[in-house]
């Protein structure tokens, strides 16, 4: 193993695969979304390959209408708790919204998963961009973009204080004297802010990692500023090396300006690899997926991003002018900007755009041999565009198995990825220390 900088690799899992038509493949399990055996197989495969973590996306609403793609998903903290019992080392990162939760309940659940897993929990903090999600929580529309991030900032401040509210010496458990805990080491918060009023302390002991690993996935200006203040890992979407490198430099600079060590923030673009023993075999695999797409589904998803109706698009025309003008959106501004940039740069029609988004929703798709996939990962890693990647297999488990069998040996041969785990916690996999407890001293 090289003594130098090492890649970080997460297995980003999504039911039958990341491609929207993955469930239609002959070898796929169309009921994978709620089949625990499927998730166990994936988790154990990723752990056998020594991935840093499993990564689960989530949103508190149905995905689309359910007509063309599995629309539901198991709640990720529940699923990861189950997977923690059939794995022992791999990290467990769940996406959970700060917009539609309360700090006390979520801090408790995350601390519990960290305890149950022996220090392997991570929280991907999202602010929930969808209007359909707001409708499930008694709101007529989602809160504004800036307000969602302001709430998230206070949410995280409260959550950190709750995790710190038990000092490590709080539990005495002295059978002789009958004293279980030292009340002076259990801290009330008395927090009263703009969004939350929380007394504390938490009713769960401080997590083994201090805090679960804190992950962030927004790439807007608000999202990057939030990440610079709080994130320890950043999941991001870029379709070119140049844009990934610019984002990488920007986030490291913002982190430094926020008074934090940039090396303590791990930047992880997503990559959707279509792997074949030859280039033609890889292209044939990608075509197989593309031919199974239903264009109507792609149009609906595209319209949702731009907060408009599918009828405004013509399949064989470019994006409409009003979209190219980049209207202000309350949803995912960074994802809409990515799509516009891709469409303009490559002069794509709407039909071509939805084809390009079918596999990874705007993440980097790469079609090639194992050597080409590995070379691309290495060039981004060594060229200052990534600290590692979220591996988004187009089909699961087959795509993840192909990456493990054919790409990882190349990366290991170059000394860029671990042969075995050296630590037991997710923070140790990432080379990150346990945060200091703010109530000490």
Protein backbone atom coordinates (compact mmCIF):
# COMPACT_ATOMS: atom_id res chain seq x y z
CA UNK A 1 0.00 0.00 0.00
CA UNK A 2 1.27 3.42 -0.93
CA UNK A 3 2.06 5.70 1.99
CA UNK A 4 0.65 8.64 0.03
CA UNK A 5 -2.82 10.01 -0.43
CA UNK A 6 -5.52 7.36 -0.81
CA UNK A 7 -8.82 7.34 -2.69
CA UNK A 8 -12.09 7.32 -0.77
CA UNK A 9 -14.82 5.26 -2.41
CA UNK A 10 -18.46 5.05 -1.38
CA UNK A 11 -20.98 2.60 -2.79
CA UNK A 12 -24.04 4.74 -3.59
CA UNK A 13 -26.90 2.23 -3.56
CA UNK A 14 -30.27 2.72 -5.25
CA UNK A 15 -32.73 -0.19 -5.56
CA UNK A 16 -32.08 -2.05 -8.87
CA UNK A 17 -29.51 0.55 -9.96
CA UNK A 18 -29.05 4.22 -10.74
CA UNK A 19 -30.25 4.05 -14.32
CA UNK A 20 -33.96 4.80 -14.47
CA UNK A 21 -34.58 1.62 -16.51
CA UNK A 22 -32.36 -0.71 -14.45
CA UNK A 23 -35.37 -2.56 -13.04
CA UNK A 24 -36.32 -3.66 -16.59
CA UNK A 25 -33.09 -5.55 -17.29
CA UNK A 26 -33.56 -9.34 -17.61
CA UNK A 27 -31.22 -10.05 -14.69
CA UNK A 28 -32.58 -7.31 -12.39
CA UNK A 29 -34.89 -7.67 -9.41
CA UNK A 30 -37.79 -5.27 -10.11
CA UNK A 31 -38.82 -5.53 -6.45
CA UNK A 32 -35.35 -4.74 -5.12
CA UNK A 33 -36.46 -1.52 -3.41
CA UNK A 34 -38.16 -3.37 -0.52
CA UNK A 35 -36.20 -6.63 -0.60
CA UNK A 36 -33.88 -6.68 2.43
CA UNK A 37 -31.93 -9.61 0.99
CA UNK A 38 -30.98 -7.41 -1.99
CA UNK A 39 -29.64 -4.67 0.29
CA UNK A 40 -27.73 -7.18 2.43
CA UNK A 41 -26.07 -8.62 -0.67
CA UNK A 42 -24.99 -5.14 -1.79
CA UNK A 43 -23.73 -4.14 1.65
CA UNK A 44 -21.68 -7.28 2.07
CA UNK A 45 -20.25 -6.98 -1.46
CA UNK A 46 -19.18 -3.38 -0.80
CA UNK A 47 -17.67 -4.30 2.57
CA UNK A 48 -15.76 -7.24 1.09
CA UNK A 49 -14.25 -4.73 -1.35
CA UNK A 50 -13.31 -2.39 1.57
CA UNK A 51 -15.38 0.60 0.43
CA UNK A 52 -15.38 3.49 2.89
CA UNK A 53 -19.15 3.48 3.17
CA UNK A 54 -22.58 2.75 1.83
CA UNK A 55 -24.51 5.86 0.77
CA UNK A 56 -28.31 6.04 0.60
CA UNK A 57 -30.29 8.87 -0.98
CA UNK A 58 -33.75 9.72 0.31
CA UNK A 59 -36.63 12.15 0.09
CA UNK A 60 -39.92 12.26 2.04
CA UNK A 61 -42.17 11.92 -1.01
CA UNK A 62 -43.03 9.53 -3.81
CA UNK A 63 -40.54 9.54 -6.70
CA UNK A 64 -42.54 10.63 -9.74
CA UNK A 65 -45.93 9.00 -10.18
CA UNK A 66 -44.78 5.41 -9.91
CA UNK A 67 -45.78 4.66 -13.50
CA UNK A 68 -42.33 4.14 -15.02
CA UNK A 69 -39.90 3.64 -12.14
CA UNK A 70 -40.10 2.23 -8.60
CA UNK A 71 -41.37 5.26 -6.66
CA UNK A 72 -40.67 4.35 -3.03
CA UNK A 73 -37.81 3.45 -0.77
CA UNK A 74 -37.15 2.12 2.69
CA UNK A 75 -36.42 4.78 5.31
CA UNK A 76 -32.60 4.93 5.25
CA UNK A 77 -31.81 5.03 8.98
CA UNK A 78 -34.02 1.99 9.51
CA UNK A 79 -32.39 0.17 6.59
CA UNK A 80 -28.86 1.07 7.68
CA UNK A 81 -29.59 -0.13 11.22
CA UNK A 82 -30.51 -3.51 9.74
CA UNK A 83 -27.40 -3.52 7.52
CA UNK A 84 -25.21 -2.63 10.50
CA UNK A 85 -25.98 -6.05 11.91
CA UNK A 86 -24.77 -7.96 8.83
CA UNK A 87 -21.60 -5.87 8.36
CA UNK A 88 -18.85 -4.88 10.76
CA UNK A 89 -16.61 -2.20 9.23
CA UNK A 90 -18.16 -0.35 6.32
CA UNK A 91 -19.59 3.13 6.96
CA UNK A 92 -23.35 3.78 6.79
CA UNK A 93 -24.39 7.19 5.40
CA UNK A 94 -28.08 8.13 5.31
CA UNK A 95 -29.64 11.12 3.60
CA UNK A 96 -32.02 12.88 5.98
CA UNK A 97 -33.76 16.23 5.53
CA UNK A 98 -33.14 19.09 7.94
CA UNK A 99 -36.25 20.83 6.59
CA UNK A 100 -38.80 18.24 7.66
CA UNK A 101 -37.29 16.99 10.92
CA UNK A 102 -36.64 18.40 14.38
CA UNK A 103 -33.13 18.48 15.86
CA UNK A 104 -33.85 16.50 19.01
CA UNK A 105 -35.51 13.50 17.34
CA UNK A 106 -33.03 13.32 14.49
CA UNK A 107 -29.96 13.78 16.70
CA UNK A 108 -31.29 10.94 18.84
CA UNK A 109 -31.85 8.62 15.86
CA UNK A 110 -28.43 9.34 14.36
CA UNK A 111 -26.69 8.87 17.72
CA UNK A 112 -28.53 5.58 18.13
CA UNK A 113 -27.37 4.31 14.72
CA UNK A 114 -23.80 5.30 15.57
CA UNK A 115 -23.99 3.33 18.83
CA UNK A 116 -25.66 0.30 17.26
CA UNK A 117 -23.10 0.19 14.42
CA UNK A 118 -20.03 0.79 16.60
CA UNK A 119 -19.24 4.21 15.16
CA UNK A 120 -20.07 3.85 11.48
CA UNK A 121 -22.93 6.35 10.95
CA UNK A 122 -22.93 9.32 8.62
CA UNK A 123 -25.56 11.96 7.90
CA UNK A 124 -25.99 13.44 4.42
CA UNK A 125 -27.67 16.75 5.25
CA UNK A 126 -30.19 17.90 2.64
CA UNK A 127 -32.68 20.76 2.66
CA UNK A 128 -35.37 19.07 0.50
CA UNK A 129 -35.91 20.98 -2.72
CA UNK A 130 -39.21 19.39 -3.85
CA UNK A 131 -42.62 21.01 -3.55
CA UNK A 132 -44.19 17.55 -3.30
CA UNK A 133 -42.18 16.95 -0.14
CA UNK A 134 -43.55 20.13 1.44
CA UNK A 135 -47.08 18.97 0.72
CA UNK A 136 -46.52 15.94 2.97
CA UNK A 137 -45.81 18.20 5.95
CA UNK A 138 -48.80 20.53 5.85
CA UNK A 139 -47.16 23.23 3.71
CA UNK A 140 -48.53 24.81 0.54
CA UNK A 141 -44.98 25.11 -0.84
CA UNK A 142 -41.43 24.46 0.28
CA UNK A 143 -39.67 27.19 2.27
CA UNK A 144 -37.42 29.44 0.17
CA UNK A 145 -33.91 28.31 -0.74
CA UNK A 146 -32.10 30.73 1.60
CA UNK A 147 -34.50 30.01 4.45
CA UNK A 148 -33.99 26.25 4.12
CA UNK A 149 -30.23 26.72 4.50
CA UNK A 150 -30.63 29.14 7.40
CA UNK A 151 -32.80 26.55 9.16
CA UNK A 152 -30.27 23.82 8.37
CA UNK A 153 -27.47 25.90 9.87
CA UNK A 154 -29.32 26.33 13.17
CA UNK A 155 -30.46 22.69 13.03
CA UNK A 156 -26.87 21.49 12.85
CA UNK A 157 -25.73 23.85 15.62
CA UNK A 158 -28.40 22.36 17.89
CA UNK A 159 -27.67 18.77 16.83
CA UNK A 160 -23.95 19.16 17.61
CA UNK A 161 -24.76 20.59 21.04
CA UNK A 162 -27.13 17.68 21.72
CA UNK A 163 -24.48 15.12 20.77
CA UNK A 164 -22.06 16.94 23.08
CA UNK A 165 -24.56 17.17 25.94
CA UNK A 166 -23.17 13.98 27.53
CA UNK A 167 -19.52 14.32 28.51
CA UNK A 168 -17.49 11.15 28.16
CA UNK A 169 -17.16 10.88 31.97
CA UNK A 170 -20.89 11.38 32.60
CA UNK A 171 -21.62 7.70 33.24
CA UNK A 172 -20.18 6.43 36.52
CA UNK A 173 -22.23 3.23 36.94
CA UNK A 174 -20.91 2.73 40.46
CA UNK A 175 -22.76 -0.24 41.97
CA UNK A 176 -21.28 0.42 45.41
CA UNK A 177 -22.52 4.00 45.82
CA UNK A 178 -25.58 3.63 43.62
CA UNK A 179 -24.57 6.61 41.47
CA UNK A 180 -25.19 5.96 37.79
CA UNK A 181 -24.31 9.32 36.24
CA UNK A 182 -22.88 12.69 37.23
CA UNK A 183 -25.62 15.26 36.58
CA UNK A 184 -23.00 18.00 36.30
CA UNK A 185 -21.71 16.30 33.15
CA UNK A 186 -25.16 16.15 31.49
CA UNK A 187 -25.68 19.56 29.93
CA UNK A 188 -28.85 21.49 29.26
CA UNK A 189 -28.77 23.55 26.08
CA UNK A 190 -31.49 26.07 26.73
CA UNK A 191 -31.33 26.88 23.01
CA UNK A 192 -33.71 29.55 21.76
CA UNK A 193 -33.16 30.53 18.16
CA UNK A 194 -35.05 31.66 15.10
CA UNK A 195 -36.30 28.17 14.22
CA UNK A 196 -35.84 25.99 17.30
CA UNK A 197 -36.29 26.01 21.05
CA UNK A 198 -34.55 22.99 22.57
CA UNK A 199 -33.86 22.35 26.25
CA UNK A 200 -31.65 19.25 26.15
CA UNK A 201 -29.70 17.26 27.10
CA UNK A 202 -30.12 14.38 24.65
CA UNK A 203 -31.34 11.12 26.17
CA UNK A 204 -28.66 9.14 24.30
CA UNK A 205 -25.01 9.04 25.31
CA UNK A 206 -22.53 10.86 23.04
CA UNK A 207 -22.00 8.83 19.85
CA UNK A 208 -18.81 6.77 19.50
CA UNK A 209 -17.64 9.12 16.71
CA UNK A 210 -18.57 12.24 18.70
CA UNK A 211 -20.78 13.25 15.78
CA UNK A 212 -21.86 11.04 12.89
CA UNK A 213 -19.78 11.90 9.83
CA UNK A 214 -21.36 15.08 8.41
CA UNK A 215 -21.94 14.99 4.66
CA UNK A 216 -23.47 17.64 2.40
CA UNK A 217 -24.68 17.44 -1.19
CA UNK A 218 -25.74 20.94 -2.29
CA UNK A 219 -23.62 22.82 -4.84
CA UNK A 220 -25.41 26.18 -4.87
CA UNK A 221 -23.68 29.20 -3.32
CA UNK A 222 -25.72 28.68 -0.12
CA UNK A 223 -24.90 24.99 -0.19
CA UNK A 224 -21.17 25.55 -0.61
CA UNK A 225 -21.08 28.11 2.21
CA UNK A 226 -22.96 25.68 4.45
CA UNK A 227 -20.53 22.91 3.52
CA UNK A 228 -17.54 25.12 4.25
CA UNK A 229 -18.84 25.67 7.80
CA UNK A 230 -19.98 22.15 8.61
CA UNK A 231 -19.32 19.36 6.09
CA UNK A 232 -16.67 16.69 6.45
CA UNK A 233 -17.51 15.08 3.12
CA UNK A 234 -19.23 16.61 0.08
CA UNK A 235 -21.14 14.65 -2.53
CA UNK A 236 -21.27 16.60 -5.78
CA UNK A 237 -22.28 16.21 -9.44
CA UNK A 238 -20.08 17.29 -12.37
CA UNK A 239 -20.00 16.13 -15.98
CA UNK A 240 -16.49 17.37 -16.83
CA UNK A 241 -13.10 17.34 -15.17
CA UNK A 242 -12.77 21.11 -15.58
CA UNK A 243 -15.96 21.86 -13.70
CA UNK A 244 -15.14 19.31 -11.01
CA UNK A 245 -11.68 20.87 -10.53
CA UNK A 246 -13.17 24.36 -10.28
CA UNK A 247 -15.68 23.17 -7.67
CA UNK A 248 -12.92 21.37 -5.75
CA UNK A 249 -10.75 24.50 -5.62
CA UNK A 250 -13.71 26.65 -4.64
CA UNK A 251 -14.88 24.43 -1.78
CA UNK A 252 -11.36 24.07 -0.40
CA UNK A 253 -10.92 27.87 -0.49
CA UNK A 254 -14.29 28.43 1.21
CA UNK A 255 -13.37 25.89 3.88
CA UNK A 256 -10.06 27.65 4.54
CA UNK A 257 -11.85 31.01 4.72
CA UNK A 258 -14.25 29.52 7.29
CA UNK A 259 -11.26 28.73 9.52
CA UNK A 260 -11.22 24.99 8.88
CA UNK A 261 -8.58 22.66 7.45
CA UNK A 262 -9.41 21.99 3.77
CA UNK A 263 -7.90 18.51 4.05
CA UNK A 264 -10.65 17.72 6.56
CA UNK A 265 -13.32 18.06 3.86
CA UNK A 266 -13.49 15.10 1.47
CA UNK A 267 -14.90 15.96 -2.00
CA UNK A 268 -16.64 13.02 -3.71
CA UNK A 269 -18.15 13.44 -7.18
CA UNK A 270 -20.53 10.76 -8.40
CA UNK A 271 -19.51 8.51 -11.29
CA UNK A 272 -21.81 6.13 -13.22
CA UNK A 273 -19.49 3.57 -14.87
CA UNK A 274 -20.62 1.37 -17.79
CA UNK A 275 -17.86 -1.24 -17.83
CA UNK A 276 -17.05 -3.65 -20.66
CA UNK A 277 -14.04 -5.80 -21.50
CA UNK A 278 -13.76 -3.71 -24.69
CA UNK A 279 -14.99 -0.21 -25.56
CA UNK A 280 -17.59 -1.70 -27.90
CA UNK A 281 -18.88 -4.01 -25.17
CA UNK A 282 -19.19 -1.03 -22.81
CA UNK A 283 -21.02 1.01 -25.44
CA UNK A 284 -23.38 -1.89 -26.10
CA UNK A 285 -24.14 -2.08 -22.38
CA UNK A 286 -24.92 1.65 -22.27
CA UNK A 287 -27.17 1.30 -25.35
CA UNK A 288 -29.06 -1.53 -23.69
CA UNK A 289 -29.98 0.76 -20.80
CA UNK A 290 -30.86 3.66 -23.07
CA UNK A 291 -33.18 1.57 -25.21
CA UNK A 292 -35.20 0.61 -22.12
CA UNK A 293 -35.88 4.22 -21.10
CA UNK A 294 -39.41 5.64 -21.30
CA UNK A 295 -39.07 9.23 -22.64
CA UNK A 296 -42.23 10.33 -20.86
CA UNK A 297 -40.59 9.63 -17.52
CA UNK A 298 -37.52 11.64 -18.48
CA UNK A 299 -39.66 14.58 -19.54
CA UNK A 300 -41.54 14.57 -16.25
CA UNK A 301 -38.28 14.52 -14.29
CA UNK A 302 -36.81 17.32 -16.40
CA UNK A 303 -39.93 19.42 -15.90
CA UNK A 304 -39.74 18.84 -12.13
CA UNK A 305 -36.17 20.17 -12.02
CA UNK A 306 -37.18 23.35 -13.85
CA UNK A 307 -40.47 23.70 -11.92
CA UNK A 308 -42.56 23.71 -15.08
CA UNK A 309 -44.78 21.38 -17.13
CA UNK A 310 -43.58 18.62 -19.52
CA UNK A 311 -45.64 20.21 -22.31
CA UNK A 312 -43.20 23.14 -22.59
CA UNK A 313 -40.53 20.82 -24.06
CA UNK A 314 -40.19 19.58 -27.63
CA UNK A 315 -38.20 16.34 -27.73
CA UNK A 316 -36.19 17.20 -30.83
CA UNK A 317 -35.61 20.88 -30.01
CA UNK A 318 -33.19 22.59 -27.61
CA UNK A 319 -34.28 23.72 -24.16
CA UNK A 320 -36.80 26.60 -24.34
CA UNK A 321 -35.40 30.11 -24.15
CA UNK A 322 -37.06 30.87 -20.81
CA UNK A 323 -35.15 27.96 -19.25
CA UNK A 324 -31.87 28.93 -20.92
CA UNK A 325 -32.36 32.35 -19.27
CA UNK A 326 -31.91 30.54 -15.91
CA UNK A 327 -35.02 31.55 -13.99
CA UNK A 328 -34.64 31.69 -10.21
CA UNK A 329 -35.83 28.41 -8.76
CA UNK A 330 -36.70 27.49 -5.18
CA UNK A 331 -35.65 23.89 -5.75
CA UNK A 332 -32.27 22.54 -6.85
CA UNK A 333 -30.62 25.54 -8.50
CA UNK A 334 -27.26 23.79 -8.84
CA UNK A 335 -28.80 20.80 -10.64
CA UNK A 336 -30.72 23.02 -13.06
CA UNK A 337 -27.54 24.97 -13.81
CA UNK A 338 -25.67 21.72 -14.46
CA UNK A 339 -28.31 20.58 -16.97
CA UNK A 340 -28.32 23.92 -18.80
CA UNK A 341 -24.52 23.98 -18.96
CA UNK A 342 -24.46 20.41 -20.35
CA UNK A 343 -27.16 21.19 -22.93
CA UNK A 344 -25.47 24.37 -24.16
CA UNK A 345 -21.96 22.98 -24.17
CA UNK A 346 -22.89 19.91 -26.20
CA UNK A 347 -25.76 21.50 -28.19
CA UNK A 348 -28.21 18.83 -27.02
CA UNK A 349 -31.88 18.44 -27.85
CA UNK A 350 -34.34 17.66 -25.09
CA UNK A 351 -34.39 14.01 -26.23
CA UNK A 352 -30.60 13.86 -25.88
CA UNK A 353 -30.69 15.61 -22.52
CA UNK A 354 -33.10 13.14 -20.95
CA UNK A 355 -31.00 10.31 -22.36
CA UNK A 356 -27.92 11.78 -20.70
CA UNK A 357 -29.76 12.19 -17.41
CA UNK A 358 -31.23 8.68 -17.43
CA UNK A 359 -28.26 6.99 -15.83
CA UNK A 360 -27.17 9.40 -13.13
CA UNK A 361 -29.46 12.45 -13.03
CA UNK A 362 -26.59 14.72 -14.06
CA UNK A 363 -23.69 12.84 -12.51
CA UNK A 364 -20.63 11.94 -14.57
CA UNK A 365 -21.31 8.92 -16.79
CA UNK A 366 -18.33 7.05 -18.20
CA UNK A 367 -18.42 4.27 -20.78
CA UNK A 368 -15.27 2.21 -21.19
CA UNK A 369 -12.97 -0.61 -20.17
CA UNK A 370 -11.83 -1.18 -16.58
CA UNK A 371 -8.49 0.42 -17.42
CA UNK A 372 -10.21 3.51 -18.85
CA UNK A 373 -12.51 3.83 -15.84
CA UNK A 374 -9.53 3.52 -13.48
CA UNK A 375 -7.47 6.02 -15.50
CA UNK A 376 -10.32 8.54 -15.38
CA UNK A 377 -10.73 8.16 -11.61
CA UNK A 378 -6.99 8.57 -11.13
CA UNK A 379 -6.78 11.63 -13.37
CA UNK A 380 -9.53 13.41 -11.42
CA UNK A 381 -7.99 12.33 -8.10
CA UNK A 382 -4.42 13.32 -8.91
CA UNK A 383 -5.43 16.40 -10.91
CA UNK A 384 -7.21 18.18 -8.06
CA UNK A 385 -10.83 17.45 -8.94
CA UNK A 386 -11.72 14.81 -6.32
CA UNK A 387 -10.64 13.09 -3.12
CA UNK A 388 -12.56 10.01 -4.19
CA UNK A 389 -15.89 9.04 -5.74
CA UNK A 390 -19.39 7.87 -5.03
CA UNK A 391 -19.68 4.80 -7.27
CA UNK A 392 -23.16 4.84 -8.80
CA UNK A 393 -23.58 1.52 -10.58
CA UNK A 394 -26.19 1.76 -13.35
CA UNK A 395 -27.49 -1.69 -12.36
CA UNK A 396 -27.22 -3.42 -9.00
CA UNK A 397 -25.66 -5.72 -8.02
CA UNK A 398 -24.08 -6.40 -11.44
CA UNK A 399 -22.55 -2.94 -11.98
CA UNK A 400 -21.04 -2.81 -8.49
CA UNK A 401 -19.69 -6.33 -8.88
CA UNK A 402 -18.05 -5.37 -12.20
CA UNK A 403 -16.38 -2.36 -10.57
CA UNK A 404 -15.15 -4.45 -7.64
CA UNK A 405 -13.87 -7.28 -9.84
CA UNK A 406 -12.27 -5.30 -12.64
CA UNK A 407 -11.53 -1.69 -11.58
CA UNK A 408 -10.52 -1.97 -7.93
CA UNK A 409 -7.57 -4.30 -8.65
CA UNK A 410 -6.13 -1.64 -10.97
CA UNK A 411 -6.49 1.08 -8.33
CA UNK A 412 -4.95 -1.21 -5.71
CA UNK A 413 -2.13 -2.11 -8.05
CA UNK A 414 -1.22 1.57 -8.19
CA UNK A 415 -1.31 1.85 -4.41
CA UNK A 416 -4.33 4.18 -4.40
CA UNK A 417 -6.91 2.14 -2.49
CA UNK A 418 -6.75 0.10 0.69
CA UNK A 419 -6.24 -3.65 0.74
CA UNK A 420 -8.03 -3.84 4.09
CA UNK A 421 -9.63 -1.60 6.67
CA UNK A 422 -7.19 -0.04 9.12
CA UNK A 423 -9.84 1.37 11.49
CA UNK A 424 -13.28 0.41 12.71
CA UNK A 425 -15.19 3.70 12.43
CA UNK A 426 -16.25 5.76 9.43
CA UNK A 427 -14.19 8.69 10.70
CA UNK A 428 -11.14 6.45 10.80
CA UNK A 429 -11.75 5.34 7.20
CA UNK A 430 -11.78 9.04 6.22
CA UNK A 431 -8.80 9.93 8.39
CA UNK A 432 -10.90 12.32 10.51
CA UNK A 433 -10.62 12.86 14.25
CA UNK A 434 -13.45 12.69 16.78
CA UNK A 435 -14.68 16.29 17.29
CA UNK A 436 -13.91 17.90 20.63
CA UNK A 437 -16.83 18.16 23.04
CA UNK A 438 -17.85 21.83 23.32
CA UNK A 439 -18.86 21.38 26.98
CA UNK A 440 -15.45 20.23 28.16
CA UNK A 441 -13.48 22.94 29.93
